[in-house]
């Protein structure tokens, strides 16, 4: 099968079957360790997702293939970090990586929608449904496949900010230096904050040195695993939105695999998306309770005047992103239709 003939729908059809039954092991004719892929993560090794997303994927895949498919896992910055990961996967320097969809907004019109438009979806299942069932992931891949890359979502997770100072009004929010990424940068800036992108590997130092006043790295799980609560004692709700992390795979590398190996990889990624998203919601509750008890974290609601500014910013971003092309417009329609059906619009 050539890269151009790779049929992603066929791959994902197999993945759906894989979720309904215990996966069969790869044929005994394939030797242990026959495939060994380097995978460059955007997560530092301190991040819970390095272990619970990528590490679990690697162990499940190795078990499913009876040891034939192994992964060498690289933490953020070991070979590349942040947006650079997309390019090393695209060029085939490594066959696979993990990224935030926000890193590929210049490559895929619908990437901002897969990353998540702030202030729109309120629960994880809504984003899961939009990504997998309503077509956001497929729209992103219409662009990425043309560059020889395939994206599959890792999980859906909430976005909440942690800050080193209290926010009691819109005036306090104005000028607040927050680490952010993707459409969240535009969202927070439109609401008066002063966001900037900082790689995960540099985040703790930036917070502890006062380069930024706060950040979002997921929500409670991210704050705990990255030790953000050591510096930022104020954890704000409601969440800014729902977002995703994702795997990216070089399609030539994928196409070069034996069919059993290829299906094992895509089936395992697809099954883990639903499992990991549910696990994450449970882990959020546990992490926040631990933060309160162990770190003296104070959970605070954002003031009404801040929420009003954020709501206005959300509608502007959704409209602006919809203008980026045909696939972006289709992605915006997915959002608006689902939000209307849910009574949000």
C-alpha atoms as a PDB file:
ATOM      1  CA  UNK A   1       0.000   0.000   0.000  1.00  0.00           C
ATOM      2  CA  UNK A   2       1.420   3.408  -0.900  1.00  0.00           C
ATOM      3  CA  UNK A   3       1.037   6.608   1.092  1.00  0.00           C
ATOM      4  CA  UNK A   4      -1.496   7.945  -1.380  1.00  0.00           C
ATOM      5  CA  UNK A   5      -3.587   4.799  -1.095  1.00  0.00           C
ATOM      6  CA  UNK A   6      -3.676   4.742   2.666  1.00  0.00           C
ATOM      7  CA  UNK A   7      -7.351   4.711   3.565  1.00  0.00           C
ATOM      8  CA  UNK A   8      -7.758   6.228   7.000  1.00  0.00           C
ATOM      9  CA  UNK A   9     -11.430   5.333   7.225  1.00  0.00           C
ATOM     10  CA  UNK A  10     -10.487   1.683   6.835  1.00  0.00           C
ATOM     11  CA  UNK A  11      -7.950   2.063   9.637  1.00  0.00           C
ATOM     12  CA  UNK A  12     -10.488   3.644  11.957  1.00  0.00           C
ATOM     13  CA  UNK A  13     -13.163   1.105  11.047  1.00  0.00           C
ATOM     14  CA  UNK A  14     -10.756  -1.502  12.355  1.00  0.00           C
ATOM     15  CA  UNK A  15     -10.209   0.623  15.435  1.00  0.00           C
ATOM     16  CA  UNK A  16     -13.918   0.637  16.220  1.00  0.00           C
ATOM     17  CA  UNK A  17     -13.939  -3.171  16.143  1.00  0.00           C
ATOM     18  CA  UNK A  18     -10.906  -3.172  18.422  1.00  0.00           C
ATOM     19  CA  UNK A  19     -12.873  -1.341  21.121  1.00  0.00           C
ATOM     20  CA  UNK A  20     -15.584  -3.995  21.189  1.00  0.00           C
ATOM     21  CA  UNK A  21     -13.443  -7.073  21.618  1.00  0.00           C
ATOM     22  CA  UNK A  22     -10.166  -8.109  23.186  1.00  0.00           C
ATOM     23  CA  UNK A  23      -7.503  -7.407  20.535  1.00  0.00           C
ATOM     24  CA  UNK A  24      -5.879 -10.448  18.993  1.00  0.00           C
ATOM     25  CA  UNK A  25      -2.123 -10.786  19.224  1.00  0.00           C
ATOM     26  CA  UNK A  26      -0.016 -10.269  16.137  1.00  0.00           C
ATOM     27  CA  UNK A  27       0.846 -13.457  14.275  1.00  0.00           C
ATOM     28  CA  UNK A  28       3.617 -15.515  15.835  1.00  0.00           C
ATOM     29  CA  UNK A  29       5.661 -15.138  12.646  1.00  0.00           C
ATOM     30  CA  UNK A  30       6.587 -11.583  13.727  1.00  0.00           C
ATOM     31  CA  UNK A  31       9.556 -11.609  16.075  1.00  0.00           C
ATOM     32  CA  UNK A  32       9.616  -9.761  19.383  1.00  0.00           C
ATOM     33  CA  UNK A  33      10.939  -6.236  18.951  1.00  0.00           C
ATOM     34  CA  UNK A  34      10.450  -6.388  15.166  1.00  0.00           C
ATOM     35  CA  UNK A  35       9.308  -2.736  15.280  1.00  0.00           C
ATOM     36  CA  UNK A  36      10.894  -0.135  17.553  1.00  0.00           C
ATOM     37  CA  UNK A  37       9.650   3.420  17.042  1.00  0.00           C
ATOM     38  CA  UNK A  38      11.031   6.534  18.668  1.00  0.00           C
ATOM     39  CA  UNK A  39       8.166   8.739  19.848  1.00  0.00           C
ATOM     40  CA  UNK A  40       8.851  12.397  20.669  1.00  0.00           C
ATOM     41  CA  UNK A  41       6.383  13.716  23.240  1.00  0.00           C
ATOM     42  CA  UNK A  42       5.478  17.327  23.835  1.00  0.00           C
ATOM     43  CA  UNK A  43       4.929  16.370  27.474  1.00  0.00           C
ATOM     44  CA  UNK A  44       7.858  16.582  29.895  1.00  0.00           C
ATOM     45  CA  UNK A  45       8.476  13.288  31.645  1.00  0.00           C
ATOM     46  CA  UNK A  46       7.131  14.930  34.824  1.00  0.00           C
ATOM     47  CA  UNK A  47       3.712  15.341  33.199  1.00  0.00           C
ATOM     48  CA  UNK A  48       1.135  12.695  34.093  1.00  0.00           C
ATOM     49  CA  UNK A  49       0.257  12.347  30.416  1.00  0.00           C
ATOM     50  CA  UNK A  50       3.767  11.183  29.553  1.00  0.00           C
ATOM     51  CA  UNK A  51       3.126   8.111  31.700  1.00  0.00           C
ATOM     52  CA  UNK A  52      -0.644   7.715  31.632  1.00  0.00           C
ATOM     53  CA  UNK A  53      -1.202   8.541  27.961  1.00  0.00           C
ATOM     54  CA  UNK A  54       1.981   7.723  26.061  1.00  0.00           C
ATOM     55  CA  UNK A  55       3.434   5.209  28.486  1.00  0.00           C
ATOM     56  CA  UNK A  56       0.149   3.318  28.707  1.00  0.00           C
ATOM     57  CA  UNK A  57      -0.240   3.342  24.914  1.00  0.00           C
ATOM     58  CA  UNK A  58       3.240   1.869  24.537  1.00  0.00           C
ATOM     59  CA  UNK A  59       2.634  -0.870  27.106  1.00  0.00           C
ATOM     60  CA  UNK A  60      -0.793  -1.777  25.678  1.00  0.00           C
ATOM     61  CA  UNK A  61       0.636  -1.947  22.173  1.00  0.00           C
ATOM     62  CA  UNK A  62       3.566  -4.108  23.246  1.00  0.00           C
ATOM     63  CA  UNK A  63       1.195  -6.466  25.040  1.00  0.00           C
ATOM     64  CA  UNK A  64      -1.203  -6.616  22.108  1.00  0.00           C
ATOM     65  CA  UNK A  65       1.605  -7.495  19.691  1.00  0.00           C
ATOM     66  CA  UNK A  66       3.229 -10.036  22.011  1.00  0.00           C
ATOM     67  CA  UNK A  67       6.297  -7.820  22.293  1.00  0.00           C
ATOM     68  CA  UNK A  68       6.724  -7.212  18.579  1.00  0.00           C
ATOM     69  CA  UNK A  69       5.970  -3.451  18.616  1.00  0.00           C
ATOM     70  CA  UNK A  70       8.043  -1.429  21.053  1.00  0.00           C
ATOM     71  CA  UNK A  71       8.336   2.320  21.578  1.00  0.00           C
ATOM     72  CA  UNK A  72      11.281   4.411  22.733  1.00  0.00           C
ATOM     73  CA  UNK A  73       9.636   7.346  24.520  1.00  0.00           C
ATOM     74  CA  UNK A  74      11.309  10.768  24.482  1.00  0.00           C
ATOM     75  CA  UNK A  75      10.272  13.544  26.869  1.00  0.00           C
ATOM     76  CA  UNK A  76       9.821  17.144  25.754  1.00  0.00           C
ATOM     77  CA  UNK A  77      13.088  18.658  24.580  1.00  0.00           C
ATOM     78  CA  UNK A  78      15.047  15.399  24.375  1.00  0.00           C
ATOM     79  CA  UNK A  79      15.025  15.632  20.594  1.00  0.00           C
ATOM     80  CA  UNK A  80      12.487  18.368  19.861  1.00  0.00           C
ATOM     81  CA  UNK A  81       9.819  20.261  21.749  1.00  0.00           C
ATOM     82  CA  UNK A  82       6.550  22.086  21.137  1.00  0.00           C
ATOM     83  CA  UNK A  83       5.677  22.963  17.540  1.00  0.00           C
ATOM     84  CA  UNK A  84       9.000  21.568  16.253  1.00  0.00           C
ATOM     85  CA  UNK A  85       7.703  18.044  16.866  1.00  0.00           C
ATOM     86  CA  UNK A  86       5.326  18.252  13.921  1.00  0.00           C
ATOM     87  CA  UNK A  87       8.157  18.930  11.499  1.00  0.00           C
ATOM     88  CA  UNK A  88      10.396  16.114  12.668  1.00  0.00           C
ATOM     89  CA  UNK A  89       7.492  13.682  12.281  1.00  0.00           C
ATOM     90  CA  UNK A  90       6.520  15.110   8.891  1.00  0.00           C
ATOM     91  CA  UNK A  91      10.103  14.731   7.660  1.00  0.00           C
ATOM     92  CA  UNK A  92      10.345  11.190   9.032  1.00  0.00           C
ATOM     93  CA  UNK A  93      13.122  12.012  11.508  1.00  0.00           C
ATOM     94  CA  UNK A  94      10.975  10.152  14.035  1.00  0.00           C
ATOM     95  CA  UNK A  95       7.900   8.176  12.974  1.00  0.00           C
ATOM     96  CA  UNK A  96       5.580   9.421  15.710  1.00  0.00           C
ATOM     97  CA  UNK A  97       5.053  12.181  18.235  1.00  0.00           C
ATOM     98  CA  UNK A  98       2.540  13.808  20.540  1.00  0.00           C
ATOM     99  CA  UNK A  99       1.407  17.404  20.165  1.00  0.00           C
ATOM    100  CA  UNK A 100      -1.320  19.850  20.977  1.00  0.00           C
ATOM    101  CA  UNK A 101      -3.471  20.482  17.885  1.00  0.00           C
ATOM    102  CA  UNK A 102      -2.737  24.164  18.506  1.00  0.00           C
ATOM    103  CA  UNK A 103       0.772  23.526  17.163  1.00  0.00           C
ATOM    104  CA  UNK A 104      -0.523  22.846  13.641  1.00  0.00           C
ATOM    105  CA  UNK A 105      -2.963  25.718  13.152  1.00  0.00           C
ATOM    106  CA  UNK A 106      -0.889  26.903  10.191  1.00  0.00           C
ATOM    107  CA  UNK A 107      -0.997  23.451   8.604  1.00  0.00           C
ATOM    108  CA  UNK A 108      -4.656  22.520   9.144  1.00  0.00           C
ATOM    109  CA  UNK A 109      -7.650  24.857   8.900  1.00  0.00           C
ATOM    110  CA  UNK A 110      -9.677  22.951  11.496  1.00  0.00           C
ATOM    111  CA  UNK A 111      -6.836  22.459  13.997  1.00  0.00           C
ATOM    112  CA  UNK A 112      -8.062  25.289  16.260  1.00  0.00           C
ATOM    113  CA  UNK A 113     -11.434  23.556  16.521  1.00  0.00           C
ATOM    114  CA  UNK A 114      -9.826  20.227  17.459  1.00  0.00           C
ATOM    115  CA  UNK A 115      -7.722  22.074  20.025  1.00  0.00           C
ATOM    116  CA  UNK A 116     -10.963  23.588  21.290  1.00  0.00           C
ATOM    117  CA  UNK A 117     -12.607  26.983  20.949  1.00  0.00           C
ATOM    118  CA  UNK A 118     -12.679  28.444  24.469  1.00  0.00           C
ATOM    119  CA  UNK A 119     -16.015  29.126  26.103  1.00  0.00           C
ATOM    120  CA  UNK A 120     -17.976  26.671  23.961  1.00  0.00           C
ATOM    121  CA  UNK A 121     -18.235  23.003  24.999  1.00  0.00           C
ATOM    122  CA  UNK A 122     -18.751  22.466  28.712  1.00  0.00           C
ATOM    123  CA  UNK A 123     -18.351  18.723  29.198  1.00  0.00           C
ATOM    124  CA  UNK A 124     -15.782  16.227  27.963  1.00  0.00           C
ATOM    125  CA  UNK A 125     -18.283  14.040  26.107  1.00  0.00           C
ATOM    126  CA  UNK A 126     -19.323  16.980  23.932  1.00  0.00           C
ATOM    127  CA  UNK A 127     -15.772  17.442  22.674  1.00  0.00           C
ATOM    128  CA  UNK A 128     -15.287  13.677  22.278  1.00  0.00           C
ATOM    129  CA  UNK A 129     -18.438  13.530  20.136  1.00  0.00           C
ATOM    130  CA  UNK A 130     -17.376  16.487  17.999  1.00  0.00           C
ATOM    131  CA  UNK A 131     -13.841  15.158  17.453  1.00  0.00           C
ATOM    132  CA  UNK A 132     -14.605  11.534  16.644  1.00  0.00           C
ATOM    133  CA  UNK A 133     -18.244  11.274  15.586  1.00  0.00           C
ATOM    134  CA  UNK A 134     -19.035  14.651  14.040  1.00  0.00           C
ATOM    135  CA  UNK A 135     -15.830  14.933  12.045  1.00  0.00           C
ATOM    136  CA  UNK A 136     -13.356  17.431  13.545  1.00  0.00           C
ATOM    137  CA  UNK A 137     -10.474  14.962  13.477  1.00  0.00           C
ATOM    138  CA  UNK A 138     -11.269  13.972   9.888  1.00  0.00           C
ATOM    139  CA  UNK A 139     -11.297  17.626   8.805  1.00  0.00           C
ATOM    140  CA  UNK A 140      -7.859  18.181  10.337  1.00  0.00           C
ATOM    141  CA  UNK A 141      -6.537  15.106   8.562  1.00  0.00           C
ATOM    142  CA  UNK A 142      -7.754  16.339   5.187  1.00  0.00           C
ATOM    143  CA  UNK A 143      -4.958  18.905   5.426  1.00  0.00           C
ATOM    144  CA  UNK A 144      -2.348  16.908   7.349  1.00  0.00           C
ATOM    145  CA  UNK A 145      -2.616  13.796   5.166  1.00  0.00           C
ATOM    146  CA  UNK A 146      -1.556  15.916   2.201  1.00  0.00           C
ATOM    147  CA  UNK A 147       1.707  16.570   4.096  1.00  0.00           C
ATOM    148  CA  UNK A 148       2.181  12.892   4.891  1.00  0.00           C
ATOM    149  CA  UNK A 149       1.000  13.076   8.514  1.00  0.00           C
ATOM    150  CA  UNK A 150      -1.977  11.553  10.316  1.00  0.00           C
ATOM    151  CA  UNK A 151      -3.387  12.853  13.610  1.00  0.00           C
ATOM    152  CA  UNK A 152      -5.413  10.877  16.136  1.00  0.00           C
ATOM    153  CA  UNK A 153      -6.682  12.418  19.367  1.00  0.00           C
ATOM    154  CA  UNK A 154      -5.184  11.123  22.603  1.00  0.00           C
ATOM    155  CA  UNK A 155      -7.840  12.408  25.020  1.00  0.00           C
ATOM    156  CA  UNK A 156     -10.196  15.225  25.913  1.00  0.00           C
ATOM    157  CA  UNK A 157      -9.353  17.235  28.999  1.00  0.00           C
ATOM    158  CA  UNK A 158     -10.587  20.433  30.677  1.00  0.00           C
ATOM    159  CA  UNK A 159      -8.663  23.716  30.695  1.00  0.00           C
ATOM    160  CA  UNK A 160      -8.505  25.705  33.926  1.00  0.00           C
ATOM    161  CA  UNK A 161      -6.077  28.412  35.003  1.00  0.00           C
ATOM    162  CA  UNK A 162      -3.925  28.497  38.117  1.00  0.00           C
ATOM    163  CA  UNK A 163      -2.620  31.882  39.234  1.00  0.00           C
ATOM    164  CA  UNK A 164      -0.243  33.241  41.871  1.00  0.00           C
ATOM    165  CA  UNK A 165      -2.520  36.170  42.714  1.00  0.00           C
ATOM    166  CA  UNK A 166      -6.231  36.599  43.307  1.00  0.00           C
ATOM    167  CA  UNK A 167      -8.546  37.749  40.522  1.00  0.00           C
ATOM    168  CA  UNK A 168     -11.385  39.743  42.073  1.00  0.00           C
ATOM    169  CA  UNK A 169     -12.444  41.827  39.085  1.00  0.00           C
ATOM    170  CA  UNK A 170     -11.919  42.411  35.386  1.00  0.00           C
ATOM    171  CA  UNK A 171      -9.344  44.995  36.386  1.00  0.00           C
ATOM    172  CA  UNK A 172      -7.290  42.294  38.149  1.00  0.00           C
ATOM    173  CA  UNK A 173      -7.566  40.097  35.053  1.00  0.00           C
ATOM    174  CA  UNK A 174      -6.403  42.861  32.757  1.00  0.00           C
ATOM    175  CA  UNK A 175      -2.683  42.517  32.023  1.00  0.00           C
ATOM    176  CA  UNK A 176      -2.365  39.193  33.880  1.00  0.00           C
ATOM    177  CA  UNK A 177       0.625  37.297  32.459  1.00  0.00           C
ATOM    178  CA  UNK A 178      -0.611  33.794  31.655  1.00  0.00           C
ATOM    179  CA  UNK A 179       1.109  30.898  29.902  1.00  0.00           C
ATOM    180  CA  UNK A 180      -1.195  29.705  27.138  1.00  0.00           C
ATOM    181  CA  UNK A 181      -1.292  28.274  23.616  1.00  0.00           C
ATOM    182  CA  UNK A 182      -3.428  28.062  20.482  1.00  0.00           C
ATOM    183  CA  UNK A 183      -6.770  29.815  20.388  1.00  0.00           C
ATOM    184  CA  UNK A 184      -6.514  30.267  24.158  1.00  0.00           C
ATOM    185  CA  UNK A 185      -3.887  32.931  23.485  1.00  0.00           C
ATOM    186  CA  UNK A 186      -6.363  34.957  21.410  1.00  0.00           C
ATOM    187  CA  UNK A 187      -9.149  34.273  23.893  1.00  0.00           C
ATOM    188  CA  UNK A 188      -7.235  35.465  26.933  1.00  0.00           C
ATOM    189  CA  UNK A 189      -5.754  38.444  25.118  1.00  0.00           C
ATOM    190  CA  UNK A 190      -9.189  39.507  23.871  1.00  0.00           C
ATOM    191  CA  UNK A 191     -10.392  39.427  27.481  1.00  0.00           C
ATOM    192  CA  UNK A 192      -7.583  41.740  28.565  1.00  0.00           C
ATOM    193  CA  UNK A 193      -4.934  39.332  29.864  1.00  0.00           C
ATOM    194  CA  UNK A 194      -1.343  39.225  28.591  1.00  0.00           C
ATOM    195  CA  UNK A 195      -0.834  35.587  27.532  1.00  0.00           C
ATOM    196  CA  UNK A 196       2.313  34.093  26.071  1.00  0.00           C
ATOM    197  CA  UNK A 197       3.417  30.652  24.924  1.00  0.00           C
ATOM    198  CA  UNK A 198       6.020  28.831  27.025  1.00  0.00           C
ATOM    199  CA  UNK A 199       7.054  25.172  26.440  1.00  0.00           C
ATOM    200  CA  UNK A 200       6.090  22.786  29.205  1.00  0.00           C
ATOM    201  CA  UNK A 201       9.720  22.046  30.019  1.00  0.00           C
ATOM    202  CA  UNK A 202      10.244  25.735  30.895  1.00  0.00           C
ATOM    203  CA  UNK A 203       6.937  26.413  32.619  1.00  0.00           C
ATOM    204  CA  UNK A 204       7.778  25.844  36.285  1.00  0.00           C
ATOM    205  CA  UNK A 205      10.846  28.064  36.098  1.00  0.00           C
ATOM    206  CA  UNK A 206       8.851  30.792  34.345  1.00  0.00           C
ATOM    207  CA  UNK A 207       6.229  30.732  37.093  1.00  0.00           C
ATOM    208  CA  UNK A 208       8.668  30.590  39.985  1.00  0.00           C
ATOM    209  CA  UNK A 209      10.736  33.459  38.569  1.00  0.00           C
ATOM    210  CA  UNK A 210       7.705  35.650  37.893  1.00  0.00           C
ATOM    211  CA  UNK A 211       7.992  35.644  34.095  1.00  0.00           C
ATOM    212  CA  UNK A 212       4.294  34.704  34.134  1.00  0.00           C
ATOM    213  CA  UNK A 213       1.650  35.022  36.865  1.00  0.00           C
ATOM    214  CA  UNK A 214      -0.253  31.880  36.001  1.00  0.00           C
ATOM    215  CA  UNK A 215      -0.884  29.181  33.447  1.00  0.00           C
ATOM    216  CA  UNK A 216      -3.079  26.442  32.144  1.00  0.00           C
ATOM    217  CA  UNK A 217      -1.648  22.964  31.634  1.00  0.00           C
ATOM    218  CA  UNK A 218      -4.868  21.072  31.346  1.00  0.00           C
ATOM    219  CA  UNK A 219      -6.526  21.596  34.714  1.00  0.00           C
ATOM    220  CA  UNK A 220      -5.988  19.954  38.115  1.00  0.00           C
ATOM    221  CA  UNK A 221      -4.090  16.888  36.908  1.00  0.00           C
ATOM    222  CA  UNK A 222      -1.696  19.028  34.913  1.00  0.00           C
ATOM    223  CA  UNK A 223      -1.198  21.505  37.738  1.00  0.00           C
ATOM    224  CA  UNK A 224      -0.409  18.707  40.185  1.00  0.00           C
ATOM    225  CA  UNK A 225       1.922  16.717  37.936  1.00  0.00           C
ATOM    226  CA  UNK A 226       3.824  19.830  36.841  1.00  0.00           C
ATOM    227  CA  UNK A 227       4.060  21.175  40.427  1.00  0.00           C
ATOM    228  CA  UNK A 228       2.302  24.399  39.406  1.00  0.00           C
ATOM    229  CA  UNK A 229       0.458  24.594  42.724  1.00  0.00           C
ATOM    230  CA  UNK A 230       3.776  25.065  44.511  1.00  0.00           C
ATOM    231  CA  UNK A 231       3.793  28.572  43.000  1.00  0.00           C
ATOM    232  CA  UNK A 232       0.151  29.204  42.079  1.00  0.00           C
ATOM    233  CA  UNK A 233      -2.223  28.695  44.996  1.00  0.00           C
ATOM    234  CA  UNK A 234      -5.382  29.970  43.278  1.00  0.00           C
ATOM    235  CA  UNK A 235      -7.191  27.511  41.000  1.00  0.00           C
ATOM    236  CA  UNK A 236      -9.980  29.131  38.991  1.00  0.00           C
ATOM    237  CA  UNK A 237     -13.273  27.749  37.764  1.00  0.00           C
ATOM    238  CA  UNK A 238     -15.278  27.454  35.595  1.00  0.00           C
ATOM    239  CA  UNK A 239     -12.984  25.933  33.022  1.00  0.00           C
ATOM    240  CA  UNK A 240     -12.008  27.927  29.965  1.00  0.00           C
ATOM    241  CA  UNK A 241     -13.147  25.051  27.769  1.00  0.00           C
ATOM    242  CA  UNK A 242     -12.412  21.503  26.627  1.00  0.00           C
ATOM    243  CA  UNK A 243      -9.259  20.676  24.703  1.00  0.00           C
ATOM    244  CA  UNK A 244      -7.384  17.690  23.269  1.00  0.00           C
ATOM    245  CA  UNK A 245      -3.919  16.253  23.062  1.00  0.00           C
ATOM    246  CA  UNK A 246      -3.037  14.222  19.997  1.00  0.00           C
ATOM    247  CA  UNK A 247      -0.725  11.677  18.422  1.00  0.00           C
ATOM    248  CA  UNK A 248       0.809  12.364  15.029  1.00  0.00           C
ATOM    249  CA  UNK A 249       2.226   9.645  12.801  1.00  0.00           C
ATOM    250  CA  UNK A 250       4.339   9.805   9.667  1.00  0.00           C
ATOM    251  CA  UNK A 251       2.184   8.084   7.043  1.00  0.00           C
ATOM    252  CA  UNK A 252       5.115   6.554   5.142  1.00  0.00           C
ATOM    253  CA  UNK A 253       6.282   4.951   8.378  1.00  0.00           C
ATOM    254  CA  UNK A 254       2.749   3.761   9.085  1.00  0.00           C
ATOM    255  CA  UNK A 255       2.381   2.420   5.555  1.00  0.00           C
ATOM    256  CA  UNK A 256       5.649   0.504   5.847  1.00  0.00           C
ATOM    257  CA  UNK A 257       4.317  -1.582   8.732  1.00  0.00           C
ATOM    258  CA  UNK A 258       2.928  -5.062   8.346  1.00  0.00           C
ATOM    259  CA  UNK A 259      -0.897  -4.844   8.201  1.00  0.00           C
ATOM    260  CA  UNK A 260      -1.231  -6.508  11.623  1.00  0.00           C
ATOM    261  CA  UNK A 261       1.164  -4.022  13.167  1.00  0.00           C
ATOM    262  CA  UNK A 262      -0.511  -1.054  11.497  1.00  0.00           C
ATOM    263  CA  UNK A 263      -3.948  -2.083  12.699  1.00  0.00           C
ATOM    264  CA  UNK A 264      -2.635  -2.837  16.177  1.00  0.00           C
ATOM    265  CA  UNK A 265      -1.265   0.707  16.454  1.00  0.00           C
ATOM    266  CA  UNK A 266      -4.355   2.531  15.187  1.00  0.00           C
ATOM    267  CA  UNK A 267      -6.777   0.254  17.057  1.00  0.00           C
ATOM    268  CA  UNK A 268      -4.913   0.819  20.319  1.00  0.00           C
ATOM    269  CA  UNK A 269      -4.793   4.599  19.866  1.00  0.00           C
ATOM    270  CA  UNK A 270      -8.515   4.725  19.105  1.00  0.00           C
ATOM    271  CA  UNK A 271      -9.504   2.546  22.047  1.00  0.00           C
ATOM    272  CA  UNK A 272      -7.274   4.471  24.441  1.00  0.00           C
ATOM    273  CA  UNK A 273      -8.879   7.792  23.424  1.00  0.00           C
ATOM    274  CA  UNK A 274     -12.171   6.868  25.070  1.00  0.00           C
ATOM    275  CA  UNK A 275     -10.567   5.086  28.012  1.00  0.00           C
ATOM    276  CA  UNK A 276      -8.095   7.883  28.688  1.00  0.00           C
ATOM    277  CA  UNK A 277     -10.707  10.641  28.423  1.00  0.00           C
ATOM    278  CA  UNK A 278     -12.831   8.917  31.081  1.00  0.00           C
ATOM    279  CA  UNK A 279      -9.815   8.211  33.284  1.00  0.00           C
ATOM    280  CA  UNK A 280      -8.846  11.862  33.097  1.00  0.00           C
ATOM    281  CA  UNK A 281     -12.186  13.098  34.451  1.00  0.00           C
ATOM    282  CA  UNK A 282     -11.816  10.778  37.439  1.00  0.00           C
ATOM    283  CA  UNK A 283      -8.206  11.846  37.958  1.00  0.00           C
ATOM    284  CA  UNK A 284      -9.238  15.518  37.930  1.00  0.00           C
ATOM    285  CA  UNK A 285     -11.416  15.084  41.013  1.00  0.00           C
ATOM    286  CA  UNK A 286      -8.676  13.188  42.853  1.00  0.00           C
ATOM    287  CA  UNK A 287      -5.983  15.716  41.915  1.00  0.00           C
ATOM    288  CA  UNK A 288      -7.991  18.755  42.995  1.00  0.00           C
ATOM    289  CA  UNK A 289      -8.780  17.205  46.380  1.00  0.00           C
ATOM    290  CA  UNK A 290      -5.076  16.454  46.823  1.00  0.00           C
ATOM    291  CA  UNK A 291      -4.127  20.005  45.867  1.00  0.00           C
ATOM    292  CA  UNK A 292      -6.453  21.443  48.472  1.00  0.00           C
ATOM    293  CA  UNK A 293      -5.213  19.092  51.195  1.00  0.00           C
ATOM    294  CA  UNK A 294      -1.497  19.009  50.387  1.00  0.00           C
ATOM    295  CA  UNK A 295      -0.739  22.342  48.729  1.00  0.00           C
ATOM    296  CA  UNK A 296      -3.277  24.646  50.333  1.00  0.00           C
ATOM    297  CA  UNK A 297      -4.868  25.339  46.964  1.00  0.00           C
ATOM    298  CA  UNK A 298      -7.877  27.658  47.008  1.00  0.00           C
ATOM    299  CA  UNK A 299     -10.557  26.943  44.393  1.00  0.00           C
ATOM    300  CA  UNK A 300     -12.209  30.207  43.333  1.00  0.00           C
ATOM    301  CA  UNK A 301     -14.881  31.171  40.815  1.00  0.00           C
ATOM    302  CA  UNK A 302     -13.927  33.754  38.214  1.00  0.00           C
ATOM    303  CA  UNK A 303     -15.794  37.038  38.823  1.00  0.00           C
ATOM    304  CA  UNK A 304     -18.924  37.712  36.771  1.00  0.00           C
ATOM    305  CA  UNK A 305     -17.393  40.660  34.955  1.00  0.00           C
ATOM    306  CA  UNK A 306     -14.474  38.471  33.830  1.00  0.00           C
ATOM    307  CA  UNK A 307     -16.881  35.760  32.646  1.00  0.00           C
ATOM    308  CA  UNK A 308     -18.825  38.335  30.632  1.00  0.00           C
ATOM    309  CA  UNK A 309     -15.666  39.484  28.878  1.00  0.00           C
ATOM    310  CA  UNK A 310     -14.640  35.880  28.183  1.00  0.00           C
ATOM    311  CA  UNK A 311     -18.068  35.066  26.688  1.00  0.00           C
ATOM    312  CA  UNK A 312     -17.773  37.947  24.244  1.00  0.00           C
ATOM    313  CA  UNK A 313     -14.241  36.871  23.332  1.00  0.00           C
ATOM    314  CA  UNK A 314     -15.415  33.310  22.644  1.00  0.00           C
ATOM    315  CA  UNK A 315     -17.972  34.309  20.025  1.00  0.00           C
ATOM    316  CA  UNK A 316     -15.415  36.490  18.252  1.00  0.00           C
ATOM    317  CA  UNK A 317     -12.860  33.669  18.090  1.00  0.00           C
ATOM    318  CA  UNK A 318     -15.391  31.156  16.756  1.00  0.00           C
ATOM    319  CA  UNK A 319     -16.352  33.552  13.988  1.00  0.00           C
ATOM    320  CA  UNK A 320     -12.757  34.488  13.166  1.00  0.00           C
ATOM    321  CA  UNK A 321     -11.649  30.839  12.978  1.00  0.00           C
ATOM    322  CA  UNK A 322     -14.591  29.962  10.726  1.00  0.00           C
ATOM    323  CA  UNK A 323     -13.259  32.375   8.091  1.00  0.00           C
ATOM    324  CA  UNK A 324      -9.989  30.493   7.537  1.00  0.00           C
ATOM    325  CA  UNK A 325     -11.290  28.271   4.747  1.00  0.00           C
ATOM    326  CA  UNK A 326     -13.804  25.654   3.692  1.00  0.00           C
ATOM    327  CA  UNK A 327     -12.761  23.075   6.302  1.00  0.00           C
ATOM    328  CA  UNK A 328     -12.687  25.702   9.029  1.00  0.00           C
ATOM    329  CA  UNK A 329     -16.237  26.722   8.096  1.00  0.00           C
ATOM    330  CA  UNK A 330     -17.363  23.082   8.308  1.00  0.00           C
ATOM    331  CA  UNK A 331     -15.728  22.773  11.729  1.00  0.00           C
ATOM    332  CA  UNK A 332     -17.493  25.922  12.931  1.00  0.00           C
ATOM    333  CA  UNK A 333     -20.809  24.452  11.746  1.00  0.00           C
ATOM    334  CA  UNK A 334     -20.117  21.334  13.841  1.00  0.00           C
ATOM    335  CA  UNK A 335     -19.654  23.548  16.886  1.00  0.00           C
ATOM    336  CA  UNK A 336     -22.689  25.722  16.258  1.00  0.00           C
ATOM    337  CA  UNK A 337     -24.996  22.788  15.514  1.00  0.00           C
ATOM    338  CA  UNK A 338     -23.999  20.857  18.615  1.00  0.00           C
ATOM    339  CA  UNK A 339     -24.120  23.927  20.840  1.00  0.00           C
ATOM    340  CA  UNK A 340     -27.588  24.777  19.492  1.00  0.00           C
ATOM    341  CA  UNK A 341     -28.800  21.215  20.107  1.00  0.00           C
ATOM    342  CA  UNK A 342     -27.461  21.454  23.664  1.00  0.00           C
ATOM    343  CA  UNK A 343     -29.203  24.788  24.271  1.00  0.00           C
ATOM    344  CA  UNK A 344     -25.969  26.774  24.564  1.00  0.00           C
ATOM    345  CA  UNK A 345     -26.876  29.077  21.659  1.00  0.00           C
END
